[in-house]
N, C-alpha and C. Protein backbone atom coordinates (compact mmCIF):
# COMPACT_ATOMS: atom_id res chain seq x y z
N UNK A 1 249.73 -148.04 -182.67
CA UNK A 1 250.59 -149.05 -183.28
C UNK A 1 250.94 -148.62 -184.73
N UNK A 2 249.97 -148.08 -185.44
CA UNK A 2 250.16 -147.73 -186.88
C UNK A 2 251.09 -146.58 -186.90
N UNK A 3 251.08 -145.58 -185.90
CA UNK A 3 251.96 -144.59 -185.91
C UNK A 3 253.42 -144.88 -185.62
N UNK A 4 253.53 -145.95 -184.72
CA UNK A 4 254.96 -146.51 -184.42
C UNK A 4 255.53 -147.09 -185.68
N UNK A 5 254.71 -147.83 -186.43
CA UNK A 5 255.25 -148.54 -187.62
C UNK A 5 255.60 -147.43 -188.72
N UNK A 6 255.00 -146.27 -188.75
CA UNK A 6 255.15 -145.22 -189.68
C UNK A 6 256.38 -144.36 -189.24
N UNK A 7 256.98 -144.72 -188.07
CA UNK A 7 258.17 -144.01 -187.58
C UNK A 7 257.85 -142.66 -186.85
N UNK A 8 256.62 -142.48 -186.46
CA UNK A 8 256.23 -141.38 -185.80
C UNK A 8 256.26 -141.49 -184.25
N UNK A 9 257.43 -141.74 -183.75
CA UNK A 9 257.60 -142.13 -182.28
C UNK A 9 257.29 -140.89 -181.48
N UNK A 10 257.56 -139.72 -181.82
CA UNK A 10 257.20 -138.41 -181.02
C UNK A 10 255.74 -138.42 -180.75
N UNK A 11 254.95 -138.67 -181.82
CA UNK A 11 253.50 -138.58 -181.74
C UNK A 11 253.01 -139.72 -180.83
N UNK A 12 253.59 -140.85 -180.97
CA UNK A 12 253.19 -142.02 -180.14
C UNK A 12 253.39 -141.70 -178.66
N UNK A 13 254.59 -141.22 -178.33
CA UNK A 13 254.86 -140.81 -176.95
C UNK A 13 253.83 -139.76 -176.42
N UNK A 14 253.56 -138.83 -177.22
CA UNK A 14 252.57 -137.80 -176.78
C UNK A 14 251.30 -138.39 -176.58
N UNK A 15 250.78 -139.25 -177.50
CA UNK A 15 249.41 -139.95 -177.29
C UNK A 15 249.41 -140.83 -176.12
N UNK A 16 250.58 -141.48 -175.80
CA UNK A 16 250.65 -142.43 -174.64
C UNK A 16 250.55 -141.57 -173.40
N UNK A 17 251.21 -140.45 -173.38
CA UNK A 17 251.22 -139.47 -172.19
C UNK A 17 249.73 -138.99 -171.99
N UNK A 18 249.14 -138.55 -173.02
CA UNK A 18 247.74 -138.05 -172.96
C UNK A 18 246.83 -139.15 -172.47
N UNK A 19 247.02 -140.40 -172.86
CA UNK A 19 246.19 -141.48 -172.61
C UNK A 19 246.27 -141.76 -170.97
N UNK A 20 247.55 -141.75 -170.60
CA UNK A 20 247.86 -141.91 -169.13
C UNK A 20 247.15 -140.87 -168.25
N UNK A 21 247.26 -139.60 -168.70
CA UNK A 21 246.59 -138.42 -168.07
C UNK A 21 245.08 -138.62 -168.00
N UNK A 22 244.48 -139.05 -169.10
CA UNK A 22 243.10 -139.34 -169.27
C UNK A 22 242.60 -140.39 -168.31
N UNK A 23 243.40 -141.49 -168.19
CA UNK A 23 243.02 -142.59 -167.27
C UNK A 23 243.11 -142.10 -165.81
N UNK A 24 244.17 -141.43 -165.56
CA UNK A 24 244.24 -140.90 -164.11
C UNK A 24 243.13 -139.93 -163.79
N UNK A 25 242.69 -139.04 -164.78
CA UNK A 25 241.56 -138.15 -164.50
C UNK A 25 240.21 -138.94 -164.33
N UNK A 26 240.12 -139.98 -165.12
CA UNK A 26 238.82 -140.80 -164.97
C UNK A 26 238.84 -141.52 -163.57
N UNK A 27 239.94 -141.91 -163.13
CA UNK A 27 240.01 -142.55 -161.79
C UNK A 27 239.62 -141.54 -160.75
N UNK A 28 240.19 -140.32 -160.74
CA UNK A 28 239.90 -139.25 -159.80
C UNK A 28 238.39 -138.94 -159.95
N UNK A 29 237.81 -138.91 -161.07
CA UNK A 29 236.38 -138.48 -161.18
C UNK A 29 235.58 -139.63 -160.52
N UNK A 30 235.91 -140.78 -160.78
CA UNK A 30 235.27 -141.91 -160.20
C UNK A 30 235.32 -141.89 -158.70
N UNK A 31 236.43 -141.63 -158.15
CA UNK A 31 236.65 -141.46 -156.69
C UNK A 31 235.79 -140.28 -156.22
N UNK A 32 235.73 -139.19 -156.83
CA UNK A 32 234.99 -138.02 -156.43
C UNK A 32 233.46 -138.36 -156.48
N UNK A 33 232.96 -139.08 -157.50
CA UNK A 33 231.67 -139.51 -157.62
C UNK A 33 231.27 -140.41 -156.43
N UNK A 34 232.10 -141.32 -156.05
CA UNK A 34 231.85 -142.20 -154.89
C UNK A 34 231.86 -141.46 -153.55
N UNK A 35 232.69 -140.52 -153.44
CA UNK A 35 232.76 -139.66 -152.30
C UNK A 35 231.57 -138.84 -152.16
N UNK A 36 231.05 -138.25 -153.29
CA UNK A 36 229.84 -137.45 -153.31
C UNK A 36 228.65 -138.26 -152.89
N UNK A 37 228.57 -139.50 -153.35
CA UNK A 37 227.46 -140.41 -153.00
C UNK A 37 227.52 -140.74 -151.52
N UNK A 38 228.65 -140.82 -150.92
CA UNK A 38 228.81 -141.11 -149.47
C UNK A 38 228.86 -139.79 -148.68
N UNK A 39 228.52 -138.68 -149.33
CA UNK A 39 228.47 -137.36 -148.72
C UNK A 39 229.70 -137.10 -147.87
N UNK A 40 230.79 -137.25 -148.40
CA UNK A 40 232.13 -136.90 -147.88
C UNK A 40 232.09 -135.36 -147.72
N UNK A 41 232.66 -134.93 -146.65
CA UNK A 41 232.65 -133.49 -146.25
C UNK A 41 233.30 -132.69 -147.40
N UNK A 42 234.46 -133.04 -147.94
CA UNK A 42 235.10 -132.19 -148.89
C UNK A 42 234.37 -132.09 -150.19
N UNK A 43 233.50 -133.08 -150.55
CA UNK A 43 232.80 -133.01 -151.77
C UNK A 43 231.50 -132.10 -151.62
N UNK A 44 230.93 -132.19 -150.47
CA UNK A 44 229.72 -131.32 -150.23
C UNK A 44 230.23 -129.92 -150.08
N UNK A 45 231.39 -129.67 -149.49
CA UNK A 45 231.97 -128.37 -149.46
C UNK A 45 232.21 -127.69 -150.87
N UNK A 46 232.67 -128.59 -151.77
CA UNK A 46 232.95 -128.09 -153.05
C UNK A 46 231.68 -127.64 -153.71
N UNK A 47 230.67 -128.52 -153.56
CA UNK A 47 229.34 -128.05 -154.18
C UNK A 47 228.70 -126.89 -153.63
N UNK A 48 228.84 -126.72 -152.28
CA UNK A 48 228.28 -125.58 -151.60
C UNK A 48 229.00 -124.26 -152.04
N UNK A 49 230.31 -124.35 -152.10
CA UNK A 49 231.17 -123.28 -152.53
C UNK A 49 230.83 -122.91 -153.99
N UNK A 50 230.60 -123.86 -154.87
CA UNK A 50 230.29 -123.59 -156.24
C UNK A 50 228.93 -122.92 -156.33
N UNK A 51 227.97 -123.39 -155.49
CA UNK A 51 226.63 -122.77 -155.46
C UNK A 51 226.64 -121.37 -155.03
N UNK A 52 227.34 -121.03 -153.98
CA UNK A 52 227.56 -119.66 -153.54
C UNK A 52 228.14 -118.79 -154.61
N UNK A 53 229.19 -119.23 -155.20
CA UNK A 53 229.81 -118.53 -156.33
C UNK A 53 228.95 -118.30 -157.43
N UNK A 54 228.15 -119.29 -157.88
CA UNK A 54 227.31 -119.21 -158.98
C UNK A 54 226.16 -118.21 -158.66
N UNK A 55 225.64 -118.25 -157.46
CA UNK A 55 224.59 -117.35 -157.04
C UNK A 55 225.07 -115.88 -157.07
N UNK A 56 226.28 -115.71 -156.53
CA UNK A 56 226.87 -114.36 -156.51
C UNK A 56 227.01 -113.84 -158.00
N UNK A 57 227.60 -114.73 -158.83
CA UNK A 57 227.79 -114.30 -160.12
C UNK A 57 226.51 -114.00 -160.87
N UNK A 58 225.47 -114.79 -160.62
CA UNK A 58 224.20 -114.53 -161.27
C UNK A 58 223.56 -113.26 -160.77
N UNK A 59 223.70 -112.90 -159.51
CA UNK A 59 223.25 -111.68 -158.92
C UNK A 59 224.02 -110.54 -159.52
N UNK A 60 225.31 -110.60 -159.65
CA UNK A 60 226.12 -109.58 -160.29
C UNK A 60 225.63 -109.34 -161.79
N UNK A 61 225.44 -110.36 -162.46
CA UNK A 61 225.05 -110.21 -163.90
C UNK A 61 223.60 -109.44 -163.89
N UNK A 62 222.82 -109.92 -163.00
CA UNK A 62 221.41 -109.28 -162.93
C UNK A 62 221.48 -107.87 -162.64
N UNK A 63 222.29 -107.46 -161.64
CA UNK A 63 222.51 -106.07 -161.34
C UNK A 63 223.06 -105.26 -162.55
N UNK A 64 224.01 -105.83 -163.10
CA UNK A 64 224.63 -105.19 -164.37
C UNK A 64 223.59 -104.94 -165.38
N UNK A 65 222.74 -105.98 -165.61
CA UNK A 65 221.66 -105.88 -166.68
C UNK A 65 220.59 -104.83 -166.31
N UNK A 66 220.30 -104.73 -164.98
CA UNK A 66 219.37 -103.73 -164.55
C UNK A 66 220.00 -102.33 -164.75
N UNK A 67 221.19 -102.17 -164.44
CA UNK A 67 221.77 -100.85 -164.66
C UNK A 67 221.73 -100.54 -166.14
N UNK A 68 222.04 -101.36 -167.00
CA UNK A 68 222.09 -101.11 -168.47
C UNK A 68 220.65 -100.67 -168.83
N UNK A 69 219.67 -101.48 -168.43
CA UNK A 69 218.22 -101.25 -168.82
C UNK A 69 217.72 -99.93 -168.26
N UNK A 70 218.15 -99.52 -167.09
CA UNK A 70 217.71 -98.31 -166.49
C UNK A 70 218.31 -97.02 -167.17
N UNK A 71 219.42 -97.27 -167.88
CA UNK A 71 220.00 -96.03 -168.55
C UNK A 71 219.49 -95.87 -169.86
N UNK A 72 218.71 -96.74 -170.37
CA UNK A 72 218.07 -96.64 -171.71
C UNK A 72 216.89 -95.79 -171.70
C-alpha cells in the first residue's frame, strides 16, 4: 500500500505477482505433504528416485576422492 501511494505501481504489480506465486507454491507443498502422509504412489516414487540419485552421487564422489587419494 505504501508503494502504491508513492507511485511505484510497477513494483507493486511485481510484488503482487510474487505473492500469488508464493501462495500457489505453499498450496502445492501442502498438497504434497498430505499426499506423502497418505503414501500416495507418486510421492513415494519421488522420494525413492531422489534416494537412488543421492546414493549414486555419493558413491561417485567417494570414488573420485579415492582416486585422488591413491594418486598422492
